[in-house]
Protein backbone atom coordinates (compact mmCIF):
# COMPACT_ATOMS: atom_id res chain seq x y z
CA MET A 1 0.08 -0.04 0.43
CA GLU A 2 1.96 3.82 -1.05
CA GLU A 3 1.80 6.79 0.84
CA SER A 4 -0.59 9.09 -0.17
CA PRO A 5 1.10 12.40 -1.53
CA GLN A 6 -0.32 14.80 1.21
CA VAL A 7 0.66 12.06 3.42
CA ALA A 8 4.07 11.90 2.37
CA ALA A 9 4.41 15.62 2.60
CA ASP A 10 2.88 16.00 5.27
CA THR A 11 6.00 13.14 6.44
CA ALA A 12 9.00 15.21 5.07
CA ARG A 13 7.55 18.30 6.87
CA ALA A 14 7.98 16.80 10.18
CA GLU A 15 11.38 15.36 9.15
CA GLU A 16 12.06 19.17 8.64
CA LEU A 17 11.08 20.36 11.45
CA LEU A 18 12.47 17.40 13.49
CA GLY A 19 15.84 18.57 12.37
CA GLN A 20 15.60 22.06 12.54
CA MET A 21 14.33 21.15 16.07
CA SER A 22 17.07 19.30 16.91
CA ASP A 23 19.72 21.57 15.49
CA GLN A 24 18.25 24.24 18.21
CA VAL A 25 18.77 22.52 21.06
CA GLY A 26 22.00 21.53 19.97
CA THR A 27 22.95 25.02 19.47
CA TRP A 28 21.31 25.61 23.42
CA SER A 29 22.76 22.83 24.74
CA SER A 30 26.37 23.74 23.65
CA LYS A 31 26.15 27.25 24.64
CA LEU A 32 24.67 26.69 27.90
CA SER A 33 27.91 24.21 28.16
CA PHE A 34 29.91 26.15 27.93
CA GLN A 35 28.27 29.04 30.61
CA PHE A 36 28.45 26.49 32.77
CA LEU A 37 31.92 25.42 32.33
CA LYS A 38 33.12 29.54 32.67
CA GLY A 39 30.91 29.61 36.07
CA VAL A 40 32.22 26.52 37.31
CA ALA A 41 36.11 27.81 36.54
CA ARG A 42 34.71 31.00 38.65
CA VAL A 43 34.14 29.23 41.26
CA ARG A 44 37.18 26.95 40.94
CA GLU A 45 39.18 30.21 41.56
CA GLU A 46 37.25 32.03 43.74
CA ALA A 47 38.25 28.91 45.96
CA GLU A 48 41.60 28.67 44.97
CA ASP A 49 42.06 32.41 45.81
CA ILE A 50 39.96 32.19 50.25
CA TRP A 51 42.25 28.69 50.26
CA ALA A 52 45.55 30.79 49.71
CA GLU A 53 44.00 33.55 51.98
CA ALA A 54 43.80 31.21 53.95
CA GLN A 55 47.05 29.49 53.71
CA SER A 56 48.85 32.87 54.54
CA LEU A 57 46.62 33.96 56.99
CA HIS A 58 47.98 30.50 58.74
CA ARG A 59 50.81 31.39 58.10
CA THR A 60 51.69 34.33 59.18
CA GLY A 61 48.90 35.20 61.53
CA ARG A 62 47.46 38.11 59.66
CA PRO A 63 45.36 38.45 56.86
CA PRO A 64 47.50 39.61 53.09
CA ASP A 65 48.36 42.54 52.39
CA LYS A 66 45.95 43.87 49.69
CA GLY A 67 47.91 46.36 47.92
CA PRO A 68 46.10 49.93 47.48
CA ALA A 69 42.50 50.24 48.04
CA ALA A 70 40.86 51.22 44.93
């Protein structure tokens, strides 16, 4: 049994829309992953700074010199 021309056209259109949606989800997912990784890097950097300050405070008994105030 053959498909009618309308069913074939509808199927092709559905496949096209699904492909476009798949591309959009992939792009969105990629952007979200990149932003997440940037956030993780910032958190890691802040944690390293806090750790370095804590070690300095532990060694010297006083906070590290921050330099001139802005």
